[in-house]
Amino acid sequence: MRLLWSLPKAAPALLRHIIGYAELAGQDLEQTQRDLGARLLAAAILGLGIFFVIFSGCLLVVALTWDTPYRVSAIAWMGGAFLLVAVLAGLYRSNLVKGQAPFLATMRREWQEDRVILERILSSDED
């Protein structure tokens, strides 16, 4: 019953905090959207440039070794090099994902702090 009596006292603070959480969530979502857009654009440009450089290099190697007995081994070495680069890129990406901040981290942190205060408000009337 005391919980019902404490609601009018806690309602303004709860409302302010709910609004604050909505603002924090909005800010986190906007930042995530900006970061993701910039990363996707940079990755697309970089990927396209690297693709054409590698493609041109492979054509050069094949053209230079075509009339020699080394053409098959040259193609095999290029395949091995691509595999090595792919494995290294995968390891690098996994390190980036580990270091990335969790989604809505600011809002979670604030909620943890405010939950303690809310529990104090609601439990103070029960004593």
Protein backbone atom coordinates (compact mmCIF):
# COMPACT_ATOMS: atom_id res chain seq x y z
CA MET A 1 0.00 0.00 0.00
CA ARG A 2 2.88 2.37 0.76
CA LEU A 3 4.04 1.86 -2.80
CA LEU A 4 0.86 3.50 -4.09
CA TRP A 5 1.38 6.47 -1.76
CA SER A 6 4.99 6.92 -2.91
CA LEU A 7 4.07 7.01 -6.60
CA PRO A 8 2.95 10.68 -6.63
CA LYS A 9 6.21 11.60 -4.94
CA ALA A 10 8.32 9.58 -7.38
CA ALA A 11 6.31 10.30 -10.55
CA PRO A 12 8.02 13.61 -11.51
CA ALA A 13 11.46 12.09 -11.07
CA LEU A 14 10.46 9.00 -13.00
CA LEU A 15 9.04 11.09 -15.81
CA ARG A 16 12.21 13.20 -16.03
CA HIS A 17 14.32 10.07 -16.11
CA ILE A 18 12.19 8.43 -18.79
CA ILE A 19 12.55 11.55 -20.93
CA GLY A 20 16.28 11.56 -20.21
CA TYR A 21 16.54 7.92 -21.26
CA ALA A 22 14.72 8.64 -24.49
CA GLU A 23 17.12 11.51 -25.22
CA LEU A 24 20.16 9.34 -24.44
CA ALA A 25 18.84 6.55 -26.64
CA GLY A 26 18.27 9.06 -29.45
CA GLN A 27 21.78 10.43 -29.11
CA ASP A 28 23.29 6.93 -29.06
CA LEU A 29 21.28 5.92 -32.13
CA GLU A 30 22.29 9.06 -34.03
CA GLN A 31 25.96 8.50 -33.19
CA THR A 32 25.73 4.86 -34.24
CA GLN A 33 24.08 5.85 -37.50
CA ARG A 34 26.76 8.44 -38.28
CA ASP A 35 29.57 6.03 -37.42
CA LEU A 36 28.06 3.21 -39.45
CA GLY A 37 27.48 5.42 -42.49
CA ALA A 38 31.02 6.75 -42.44
CA ARG A 39 32.48 3.27 -42.00
CA LEU A 40 30.40 1.82 -44.82
CA LEU A 41 31.36 4.58 -47.23
CA ALA A 42 35.06 4.34 -46.38
CA ALA A 43 34.96 0.55 -46.61
CA ALA A 44 33.22 0.64 -49.99
CA ILE A 45 35.73 3.08 -51.48
CA LEU A 46 38.68 1.22 -50.01
CA GLY A 47 37.33 -2.14 -51.12
CA LEU A 48 36.74 -0.96 -54.66
CA GLY A 49 40.20 0.55 -54.93
CA ILE A 50 41.90 -2.54 -53.51
CA PHE A 51 39.88 -4.79 -55.80
CA PHE A 52 41.09 -3.00 -58.94
CA VAL A 53 44.70 -2.85 -57.75
CA ILE A 54 44.73 -6.57 -56.97
CA PHE A 55 42.93 -7.43 -60.19
CA SER A 56 45.43 -5.42 -62.21
CA GLY A 57 48.35 -7.02 -60.36
CA CYS A 58 46.99 -10.49 -61.00
CA LEU A 59 46.54 -9.75 -64.69
CA LEU A 60 50.12 -8.51 -64.81
CA VAL A 61 51.48 -11.67 -63.14
CA VAL A 62 49.48 -13.95 -65.44
CA ALA A 63 50.54 -11.96 -68.52
CA LEU A 64 54.22 -12.06 -67.53
CA THR A 65 54.23 -15.80 -66.78
CA TRP A 66 51.82 -17.05 -69.44
CA ASP A 67 54.38 -18.46 -71.87
CA THR A 68 56.57 -19.88 -69.11
CA PRO A 69 56.39 -23.08 -67.04
CA TYR A 70 55.73 -20.91 -63.94
CA ARG A 71 52.21 -19.79 -64.88
CA VAL A 72 50.42 -22.42 -62.73
CA SER A 73 52.66 -21.84 -59.72
CA ALA A 74 52.24 -18.06 -60.09
CA ILE A 75 48.47 -18.45 -59.97
CA ALA A 76 48.74 -20.80 -56.97
CA TRP A 77 50.99 -18.33 -55.09
CA MET A 78 48.50 -15.53 -55.75
CA GLY A 79 45.69 -17.72 -54.39
CA GLY A 80 47.73 -18.44 -51.26
CA ALA A 81 48.46 -14.75 -50.80
CA PHE A 82 44.74 -13.93 -51.08
CA LEU A 83 43.94 -16.59 -48.51
CA LEU A 84 46.53 -15.18 -46.10
CA VAL A 85 45.17 -11.64 -46.54
CA ALA A 86 41.61 -12.88 -45.94
CA VAL A 87 42.61 -14.65 -42.72
CA LEU A 88 44.48 -11.58 -41.46
CA ALA A 89 41.51 -9.34 -42.32
CA GLY A 90 39.19 -11.67 -40.42
CA LEU A 91 41.43 -11.56 -37.34
CA TYR A 92 41.66 -7.77 -37.55
CA ARG A 93 37.87 -7.48 -37.84
CA SER A 94 37.33 -9.71 -34.81
CA ASN A 95 39.65 -7.44 -32.78
CA LEU A 96 37.68 -4.39 -33.90
CA VAL A 97 34.36 -5.95 -32.91
CA LYS A 98 35.71 -6.85 -29.44
CA GLY A 99 36.82 -3.26 -28.81
CA GLN A 100 33.57 -1.68 -29.95
CA ALA A 101 31.32 -0.07 -27.34
CA PRO A 102 28.08 -1.97 -26.64
CA PHE A 103 24.87 -0.74 -28.20
CA LEU A 104 23.17 1.96 -26.05
CA ALA A 105 25.99 1.83 -23.49
CA THR A 106 25.31 5.35 -22.18
CA MET A 107 21.68 4.57 -21.50
CA ARG A 108 22.52 1.32 -19.72
CA ARG A 109 25.03 3.06 -17.48
CA GLU A 110 22.56 5.77 -16.53
CA TRP A 111 19.84 3.21 -15.86
CA GLN A 112 22.13 1.32 -13.47
CA GLU A 113 22.78 4.52 -11.51
CA ASP A 114 19.14 5.59 -11.47
CA ARG A 115 17.84 2.15 -10.53
CA VAL A 116 19.65 2.39 -7.19
CA ILE A 117 18.06 5.79 -6.51
CA LEU A 118 14.63 4.54 -7.53
CA GLU A 119 14.94 1.54 -5.22
CA ARG A 120 15.85 3.88 -2.33
CA ILE A 121 12.82 6.09 -3.00
CA LEU A 122 10.44 3.20 -3.17
CA SER A 123 11.89 1.33 -0.20
CA SER A 124 12.14 4.37 2.12
CA ASP A 125 8.37 4.42 2.63
CA GLU A 126 8.22 0.73 3.46
CA ASP A 127 10.51 1.05 6.52
